[in-house]
Amino acid sequence: MSDQPKKYLYLVTHGKESPERSASPFFLATTAALMDHESTMVFTITATSLLIKGVADNLHIKETGDSSTLQFFMDQAREAGVKFFVCAPSLDLNSCTMEDLIEVDGVVGGTALNEMALEADVVMTF
């Protein structure tokens, strides 16, 4: 296995309607970043709803018992250096604007997303 850093791209498509699916991409992106790889997440379709201010604070991964909020996983990802991008068309789909979102590293459209995927060594979708 090469010691050279790899580029990991995580395409996230599920949002607050599926809290049980929301933590895994953050966990894996954080792991890649902690392994000194470039780790980027792109939020599209309903996943953009995860980036709306306040959502992650109130979204519990499990419905019962002691459950971490999504904010815990998002904070870990940010601390590890994971980059967050939002898909431009999904803003309208989720009836929000950039002002409604937490701080992200950028907005991408179809061309940029395809380029990111071509440049990545690993692409994972959720």
Protein backbone atom coordinates (compact mmCIF):
# COMPACT_ATOMS: atom_id res chain seq x y z
CA MET A 1 0.00 0.00 0.00
CA SER A 2 1.28 3.43 -0.94
CA ASP A 3 2.20 5.95 1.74
CA GLN A 4 0.95 8.77 -0.49
CA PRO A 5 -2.22 10.51 0.67
CA LYS A 6 -5.35 9.61 -1.29
CA LYS A 7 -8.37 11.73 -2.14
CA TYR A 8 -11.61 10.44 -0.63
CA LEU A 9 -14.94 11.81 -1.83
CA TYR A 10 -18.11 11.04 0.14
CA LEU A 11 -21.33 11.80 -1.72
CA VAL A 12 -24.13 12.12 0.84
CA THR A 13 -27.72 11.91 -0.43
CA HIS A 14 -29.81 11.11 2.70
CA GLY A 15 -30.88 13.85 5.06
CA LYS A 16 -32.66 14.42 8.32
CA GLU A 17 -35.45 12.03 7.30
CA SER A 18 -32.98 9.15 7.82
CA PRO A 19 -31.08 9.92 11.04
CA GLU A 20 -29.83 6.33 11.32
CA ARG A 21 -27.94 6.82 8.03
CA SER A 22 -26.52 10.25 8.81
CA ALA A 23 -23.53 9.49 11.05
CA SER A 24 -21.71 6.89 8.93
CA PRO A 25 -20.45 9.20 6.17
CA PHE A 26 -19.12 11.66 8.76
CA PHE A 27 -17.45 8.84 10.69
CA LEU A 28 -15.77 7.41 7.60
CA ALA A 29 -14.72 10.83 6.28
CA THR A 30 -13.20 11.61 9.67
CA THR A 31 -11.34 8.31 9.67
CA ALA A 32 -9.87 9.03 6.23
CA ALA A 33 -8.78 12.51 7.33
CA LEU A 34 -7.15 11.10 10.48
CA MET A 35 -5.26 8.68 8.22
CA ASP A 36 -3.82 11.82 6.54
CA HIS A 37 -5.91 11.50 3.39
CA GLU A 38 -7.78 14.37 1.76
CA SER A 39 -11.39 13.89 2.78
CA THR A 40 -14.29 15.75 1.17
CA MET A 41 -18.04 15.42 1.64
CA VAL A 42 -20.60 16.67 -0.87
CA PHE A 43 -24.20 17.01 0.30
CA THR A 44 -26.91 16.68 -2.32
CA ILE A 45 -30.59 15.78 -2.65
CA THR A 46 -32.03 15.72 0.91
CA ALA A 47 -28.60 15.51 2.59
CA THR A 48 -28.41 19.28 2.31
CA SER A 49 -30.96 19.36 5.14
CA LEU A 50 -28.23 18.07 7.48
CA LEU A 51 -26.35 21.33 6.97
CA ILE A 52 -29.21 23.62 7.97
CA LYS A 53 -28.32 25.50 11.15
CA GLY A 54 -29.64 23.72 14.25
CA VAL A 55 -30.57 20.44 12.55
CA ALA A 56 -27.47 18.49 13.62
CA ASP A 57 -27.88 19.63 17.25
CA ASN A 58 -31.33 18.05 17.39
CA LEU A 59 -30.87 14.98 15.19
CA HIS A 60 -30.26 11.85 17.27
CA ILE A 61 -28.71 8.87 15.52
CA LYS A 62 -30.87 6.39 17.46
CA GLU A 63 -34.43 7.02 18.55
CA THR A 64 -34.07 5.32 21.92
CA GLY A 65 -31.45 5.07 24.64
CA ASP A 66 -28.31 7.16 24.93
CA SER A 67 -27.74 8.54 21.47
CA SER A 68 -25.24 11.05 20.19
CA THR A 69 -26.49 13.86 18.04
CA LEU A 70 -25.26 14.32 14.51
CA GLN A 71 -23.46 17.45 15.69
CA PHE A 72 -20.98 15.23 17.58
CA PHE A 73 -19.97 13.51 14.33
CA MET A 74 -19.91 16.76 12.37
CA ASP A 75 -17.62 18.39 14.93
CA GLN A 76 -15.23 15.43 14.77
CA ALA A 77 -15.14 15.66 10.98
CA ARG A 78 -14.42 19.37 11.02
CA GLU A 79 -11.69 18.98 13.65
CA ALA A 80 -10.05 16.29 11.50
CA GLY A 81 -10.04 18.59 8.46
CA VAL A 82 -12.90 17.15 6.41
CA LYS A 83 -14.22 19.61 3.84
CA PHE A 84 -17.97 20.12 3.35
CA PHE A 85 -19.49 21.14 0.00
CA VAL A 86 -23.15 21.59 -0.87
CA CYS A 87 -24.72 20.89 -4.24
CA ALA A 88 -26.23 24.09 -5.65
CA PRO A 89 -29.50 22.61 -7.02
CA SER A 90 -30.21 20.89 -3.71
CA LEU A 91 -30.54 24.26 -1.97
CA ASP A 92 -33.77 24.90 -3.85
CA LEU A 93 -34.91 21.31 -3.34
CA ASN A 94 -34.58 21.82 0.43
CA SER A 95 -36.11 25.32 0.31
CA CYS A 96 -33.02 26.94 1.79
CA THR A 97 -30.27 29.40 0.96
CA MET A 98 -26.59 29.52 1.89
CA GLU A 99 -27.52 31.78 4.81
CA ASP A 100 -29.60 28.94 6.26
CA LEU A 101 -26.60 26.59 6.37
CA ILE A 102 -23.68 26.09 8.69
CA GLU A 103 -20.34 27.18 7.28
CA VAL A 104 -19.37 25.08 4.26
CA ASP A 105 -16.23 25.07 2.14
CA GLY A 106 -18.06 25.74 -1.10
CA VAL A 107 -20.96 25.19 -3.44
CA VAL A 108 -20.70 22.81 -6.39
CA GLY A 109 -22.77 22.12 -9.46
CA GLY A 110 -22.83 19.07 -11.67
CA THR A 111 -19.61 19.85 -13.56
CA ALA A 112 -17.60 20.47 -10.39
CA LEU A 113 -18.98 17.35 -8.72
CA ASN A 114 -18.08 15.22 -11.74
CA GLU A 115 -14.56 16.68 -11.73
CA MET A 116 -14.21 15.96 -8.01
CA ALA A 117 -15.23 12.36 -8.63
CA LEU A 118 -12.75 12.00 -11.51
CA GLU A 119 -9.91 13.35 -9.37
CA ALA A 120 -10.73 11.22 -6.32
CA ASP A 121 -8.98 7.94 -5.61
CA VAL A 122 -12.00 6.68 -3.69
CA VAL A 123 -15.66 7.69 -4.09
CA MET A 124 -18.25 6.49 -1.58
CA THR A 125 -21.96 7.22 -1.70
CA PHE A 126 -24.50 7.25 1.11
